[in-house]
């Protein structure tokens, strides 16, 4: 079967007379059959984000910071964070590593994520 996964994003911005609206979606063929949907508490000291061992090749990730006050940073290299999610923010991207590290700032944050194996 082909195109088992559909990912999409939508953005709308209007300010001071300027406006932009954009929507994109893509269908993806998935060779794996594993996925995980987790909520993990991320502390103020860097830690690994733990996901299902059945996922051989990490693929698309939808991640959300469930905290209402503090932010969380994530990356694939110790001490190097390429994603910063403020309180209640989310991101959708293609993950490219079996490593995934995170650190909260100000206090522990609950982070929800869905990862689809590719």
Protein backbone atom coordinates (compact mmCIF):
# COMPACT_ATOMS: atom_id res chain seq x y z
CA UNK A 1 0.00 0.00 0.00
CA UNK A 2 1.22 3.53 -0.72
CA UNK A 3 0.69 6.92 0.88
CA UNK A 4 -0.37 5.61 4.31
CA UNK A 5 0.67 8.82 6.08
CA UNK A 6 -0.52 12.35 5.41
CA UNK A 7 1.23 15.30 7.06
CA UNK A 8 0.10 18.88 6.80
CA UNK A 9 0.54 22.41 8.07
CA UNK A 10 -1.42 25.63 7.86
CA UNK A 11 -0.39 29.18 8.72
CA UNK A 12 -2.32 32.45 8.61
CA UNK A 13 -0.86 35.87 9.49
CA UNK A 14 -2.40 39.34 9.26
CA UNK A 15 -0.93 42.55 10.70
CA UNK A 16 -0.53 46.20 9.69
CA UNK A 17 -2.21 45.64 6.33
CA UNK A 18 -0.04 42.68 5.39
CA UNK A 19 -1.41 39.20 5.14
CA UNK A 20 -0.27 35.72 4.23
CA UNK A 21 -2.08 32.40 4.27
CA UNK A 22 -0.47 29.12 3.40
CA UNK A 23 -1.45 25.45 3.63
CA UNK A 24 0.59 22.43 2.63
CA UNK A 25 0.06 18.69 2.82
CA UNK A 26 1.99 15.68 1.66
CA UNK A 27 1.23 11.98 1.41
CA UNK A 28 4.09 9.68 2.39
CA UNK A 29 4.62 5.99 1.74
CA UNK A 30 5.68 4.26 4.95
CA UNK A 31 7.75 1.07 4.78
CA UNK A 32 7.62 0.41 8.55
CA UNK A 33 4.51 -0.32 10.57
CA UNK A 34 5.37 0.99 14.04
CA UNK A 35 4.36 4.22 15.73
CA UNK A 36 4.29 5.60 19.24
CA UNK A 37 2.15 8.15 21.08
CA UNK A 38 3.68 9.14 24.42
CA UNK A 39 3.69 11.80 27.11
CA UNK A 40 7.00 12.24 28.93
CA UNK A 41 7.99 14.53 31.78
CA UNK A 42 11.12 16.46 30.77
CA UNK A 43 13.17 17.86 33.63
CA UNK A 44 15.59 20.78 33.83
CA UNK A 45 18.58 18.50 33.27
CA UNK A 46 19.08 17.13 29.76
CA UNK A 47 17.59 13.68 29.22
CA UNK A 48 16.78 11.30 26.40
CA UNK A 49 13.29 11.33 24.99
CA UNK A 50 12.28 7.69 25.16
CA UNK A 51 10.18 6.18 22.42
CA UNK A 52 9.08 2.70 21.34
CA UNK A 53 11.97 0.31 20.71
CA UNK A 54 10.03 -1.15 17.75
CA UNK A 55 10.68 2.00 15.71
CA UNK A 56 13.64 1.14 13.50
CA UNK A 57 13.79 4.27 11.34
CA UNK A 58 12.35 7.35 13.04
CA UNK A 59 10.18 9.36 10.72
CA UNK A 60 7.65 12.12 11.18
CA UNK A 61 7.17 13.58 14.65
CA UNK A 62 4.40 15.75 16.05
CA UNK A 63 5.54 17.10 19.42
CA UNK A 64 3.75 19.47 21.82
CA UNK A 65 4.84 21.15 25.05
CA UNK A 66 1.86 20.64 27.36
CA UNK A 67 3.20 23.02 30.01
CA UNK A 68 1.37 26.36 30.42
CA UNK A 69 4.40 28.31 31.70
CA UNK A 70 7.82 26.81 30.92
CA UNK A 71 9.58 26.01 27.69
CA UNK A 72 11.43 22.93 26.49
CA UNK A 73 14.35 22.61 24.09
CA UNK A 74 15.12 19.53 21.98
CA UNK A 75 17.90 18.28 19.74
CA UNK A 76 19.86 15.23 18.66
CA UNK A 77 23.28 16.20 20.08
CA UNK A 78 24.09 16.66 23.76
CA UNK A 79 23.82 20.37 24.62
CA UNK A 80 22.75 21.41 21.11
CA UNK A 81 19.06 22.26 20.83
CA UNK A 82 17.56 23.05 17.44
CA UNK A 83 13.91 23.14 18.54
CA UNK A 84 12.47 25.40 21.25
CA UNK A 85 8.83 25.01 22.21
CA UNK A 86 7.37 27.71 24.41
CA UNK A 87 4.39 26.91 26.65
CA UNK A 88 1.71 25.03 24.65
CA UNK A 89 3.63 25.27 21.35
CA UNK A 90 4.03 22.36 18.93
CA UNK A 91 6.16 21.29 15.98
CA UNK A 92 5.76 18.85 13.10
CA UNK A 93 8.93 17.67 11.38
CA UNK A 94 10.83 14.72 9.99
CA UNK A 95 13.15 13.33 12.65
CA UNK A 96 16.50 12.13 11.31
CA UNK A 97 18.22 10.36 14.19
CA UNK A 98 17.72 7.63 16.76
CA UNK A 99 18.97 10.12 19.38
CA UNK A 100 16.53 12.67 20.79
CA UNK A 101 17.39 14.81 23.80
CA UNK A 102 15.43 17.46 25.69
CA UNK A 103 15.72 19.90 28.56
CA UNK A 104 13.06 22.06 30.21
CA UNK A 105 13.73 25.55 31.52
CA UNK A 106 12.06 27.00 34.61
CA UNK A 107 10.50 23.71 35.66
CA UNK A 108 9.67 20.25 34.36
CA UNK A 109 7.39 20.09 31.30
CA UNK A 110 5.12 17.36 30.05
CA UNK A 111 5.83 16.75 26.37
CA UNK A 112 3.44 14.82 24.15
CA UNK A 113 4.71 13.26 20.96
CA UNK A 114 3.63 11.03 18.13
CA UNK A 115 6.37 9.38 16.06
CA UNK A 116 5.70 7.40 12.90
CA UNK A 117 8.29 4.93 11.66
CA UNK A 118 9.32 5.33 8.03
